[in-house]
Structures are given as C-alpha cells and as structure tokens.
Amino acid sequence: MAIVKELNHGPCKIYIHDDCVVKTEEEKQAIIDRVSQIIIRGLAEKAKDETV
C-alpha cells in the first residue's frame, strides 16, 4: 500500500493510497450509487425537519 497523493485541506492532511483507487466501471458506479443514496436520505431528512 503506497501513498499516491497527499492533499492539504485546512488543518487536515489527506492521504490517498493505491489500494483505494477504483479499477472498474462497476466499482465506480457502485460508489456513485451508494453516495447518491446517502445524499438523498440526508436531503429528505432535512426537508422533513424544515416542514415541522
């Protein structure tokens, strides 16, 4: 496991390792689908809280 990229974001340091690289379209789509579900769920909760 090697570090392929190092990023600085404010006080945080982010390391991207080569074992975290997506290698297939199926992996990429699975990640996009999962993140989309999390975002949609969060937006729905926020909208529900704002209507109360």
N, C-alpha and C. Protein backbone atom coordinates (compact mmCIF):
# COMPACT_ATOMS: atom_id res chain seq x y z
N MET A 1 0.86 -1.17 0.00
CA MET A 1 0.00 0.00 0.00
C MET A 1 0.90 1.23 0.00
N ALA A 2 0.88 1.96 -1.10
CA ALA A 2 1.71 3.15 -1.23
C ALA A 2 0.82 4.39 -1.31
N ILE A 3 1.34 5.50 -0.83
CA ILE A 3 0.63 6.77 -0.94
C ILE A 3 0.85 7.30 -2.35
N VAL A 4 -0.28 7.54 -3.07
CA VAL A 4 -0.16 8.04 -4.43
C VAL A 4 -0.44 9.53 -4.52
N LYS A 5 -1.10 10.09 -3.49
CA LYS A 5 -1.36 11.53 -3.49
C LYS A 5 -1.53 12.00 -2.06
N GLU A 6 -1.05 13.19 -1.81
CA GLU A 6 -1.18 13.83 -0.50
C GLU A 6 -1.80 15.20 -0.71
N LEU A 7 -2.88 15.48 0.02
CA LEU A 7 -3.58 16.76 -0.11
C LEU A 7 -3.63 17.46 1.24
N ASN A 8 -3.57 18.76 1.22
CA ASN A 8 -3.76 19.56 2.43
C ASN A 8 -5.07 20.31 2.30
N HIS A 9 -5.92 20.18 3.29
CA HIS A 9 -7.22 20.85 3.30
C HIS A 9 -7.39 21.49 4.67
N GLY A 10 -7.06 22.79 4.73
CA GLY A 10 -7.09 23.46 6.03
C GLY A 10 -6.12 22.78 6.98
N PRO A 11 -6.58 22.44 8.18
CA PRO A 11 -5.70 21.79 9.14
C PRO A 11 -5.56 20.28 8.91
N CYS A 12 -6.25 19.77 7.91
CA CYS A 12 -6.26 18.32 7.66
C CYS A 12 -5.26 17.94 6.57
N LYS A 13 -4.70 16.77 6.71
CA LYS A 13 -3.83 16.21 5.69
C LYS A 13 -4.51 14.92 5.21
N ILE A 14 -4.71 14.81 3.90
CA ILE A 14 -5.41 13.67 3.31
C ILE A 14 -4.41 12.86 2.51
N TYR A 15 -4.40 11.55 2.75
CA TYR A 15 -3.53 10.65 2.02
C TYR A 15 -4.38 9.68 1.20
N ILE A 16 -4.06 9.55 -0.09
CA ILE A 16 -4.76 8.61 -0.94
C ILE A 16 -3.78 7.48 -1.25
N HIS A 17 -4.20 6.29 -0.91
CA HIS A 17 -3.36 5.11 -1.10
C HIS A 17 -3.73 4.40 -2.40
N ASP A 18 -2.80 3.67 -2.96
CA ASP A 18 -3.07 3.00 -4.24
C ASP A 18 -4.12 1.90 -4.12
N ASP A 19 -4.37 1.39 -2.93
CA ASP A 19 -5.40 0.37 -2.79
C ASP A 19 -6.80 0.97 -2.72
N CYS A 20 -6.89 2.29 -2.75
CA CYS A 20 -8.18 2.99 -2.73
C CYS A 20 -8.59 3.44 -4.12
N VAL A 21 -7.83 3.09 -5.14
CA VAL A 21 -8.13 3.51 -6.50
C VAL A 21 -9.16 2.55 -7.11
N VAL A 22 -10.20 3.12 -7.70
CA VAL A 22 -11.24 2.32 -8.34
C VAL A 22 -10.70 1.82 -9.67
N LYS A 23 -10.87 0.53 -9.91
CA LYS A 23 -10.28 -0.07 -11.10
C LYS A 23 -11.28 -0.40 -12.20
N THR A 24 -12.56 -0.55 -11.86
CA THR A 24 -13.54 -0.93 -12.88
C THR A 24 -14.71 0.04 -12.88
N GLU A 25 -15.44 0.06 -13.99
CA GLU A 25 -16.65 0.89 -14.09
C GLU A 25 -17.70 0.44 -13.08
N GLU A 26 -17.77 -0.86 -12.81
CA GLU A 26 -18.75 -1.37 -11.85
C GLU A 26 -18.47 -0.85 -10.45
N GLU A 27 -17.19 -0.82 -10.07
CA GLU A 27 -16.82 -0.27 -8.76
C GLU A 27 -17.19 1.20 -8.67
N LYS A 28 -16.89 1.94 -9.74
CA LYS A 28 -17.18 3.37 -9.76
C LYS A 28 -18.69 3.61 -9.64
N GLN A 29 -19.48 2.85 -10.38
CA GLN A 29 -20.93 3.03 -10.34
C GLN A 29 -21.49 2.66 -8.97
N ALA A 30 -20.94 1.61 -8.35
CA ALA A 30 -21.40 1.21 -7.01
C ALA A 30 -21.14 2.31 -5.99
N ILE A 31 -19.99 2.96 -6.09
CA ILE A 31 -19.67 4.07 -5.18
C ILE A 31 -20.61 5.24 -5.42
N ILE A 32 -20.83 5.59 -6.68
CA ILE A 32 -21.73 6.69 -7.02
C ILE A 32 -23.14 6.40 -6.52
N ASP A 33 -23.61 5.18 -6.70
CA ASP A 33 -24.95 4.80 -6.23
C ASP A 33 -25.07 4.93 -4.72
N ARG A 34 -24.08 4.44 -4.00
CA ARG A 34 -24.12 4.47 -2.53
C ARG A 34 -24.08 5.91 -2.02
N VAL A 35 -23.21 6.73 -2.57
CA VAL A 35 -23.12 8.14 -2.15
C VAL A 35 -24.42 8.86 -2.47
N SER A 36 -24.99 8.57 -3.63
CA SER A 36 -26.27 9.19 -4.00
C SER A 36 -27.37 8.84 -3.00
N GLN A 37 -27.42 7.59 -2.58
CA GLN A 37 -28.42 7.18 -1.59
C GLN A 37 -28.24 7.94 -0.28
N ILE A 38 -27.01 8.10 0.15
CA ILE A 38 -26.74 8.82 1.40
C ILE A 38 -27.16 10.27 1.27
N ILE A 39 -26.85 10.91 0.15
CA ILE A 39 -27.22 12.32 -0.05
C ILE A 39 -28.72 12.48 -0.10
N ILE A 40 -29.40 11.62 -0.85
CA ILE A 40 -30.86 11.72 -0.96
C ILE A 40 -31.52 11.53 0.40
N ARG A 41 -31.04 10.58 1.16
CA ARG A 41 -31.59 10.34 2.50
C ARG A 41 -31.39 11.57 3.39
N GLY A 42 -30.22 12.17 3.33
CA GLY A 42 -29.93 13.36 4.12
C GLY A 42 -30.79 14.55 3.72
N LEU A 43 -30.97 14.75 2.42
CA LEU A 43 -31.81 15.85 1.95
C LEU A 43 -33.27 15.63 2.33
N ALA A 44 -33.73 14.39 2.28
CA ALA A 44 -35.11 14.10 2.67
C ALA A 44 -35.31 14.37 4.16
N GLU A 45 -34.36 14.01 4.98
CA GLU A 45 -34.45 14.27 6.42
C GLU A 45 -34.46 15.78 6.69
N LYS A 46 -33.61 16.51 5.98
CA LYS A 46 -33.54 17.95 6.16
C LYS A 46 -34.86 18.60 5.75
N ALA A 47 -35.43 18.18 4.63
CA ALA A 47 -36.71 18.72 4.18
C ALA A 47 -37.82 18.40 5.17
N LYS A 48 -37.79 17.20 5.73
CA LYS A 48 -38.80 16.80 6.71
C LYS A 48 -38.68 17.67 7.96
N ASP A 49 -37.46 17.95 8.40
CA ASP A 49 -37.25 18.78 9.60
C ASP A 49 -37.69 20.22 9.37
N GLU A 50 -37.52 20.71 8.14
CA GLU A 50 -37.89 22.10 7.83
C GLU A 50 -39.40 22.30 7.74
N THR A 51 -40.14 21.24 7.47
CA THR A 51 -41.60 21.38 7.34
C THR A 51 -42.31 21.25 8.68
N VAL A 52 -41.60 20.83 9.69
CA VAL A 52 -42.22 20.64 11.02
C VAL A 52 -42.23 21.93 11.78
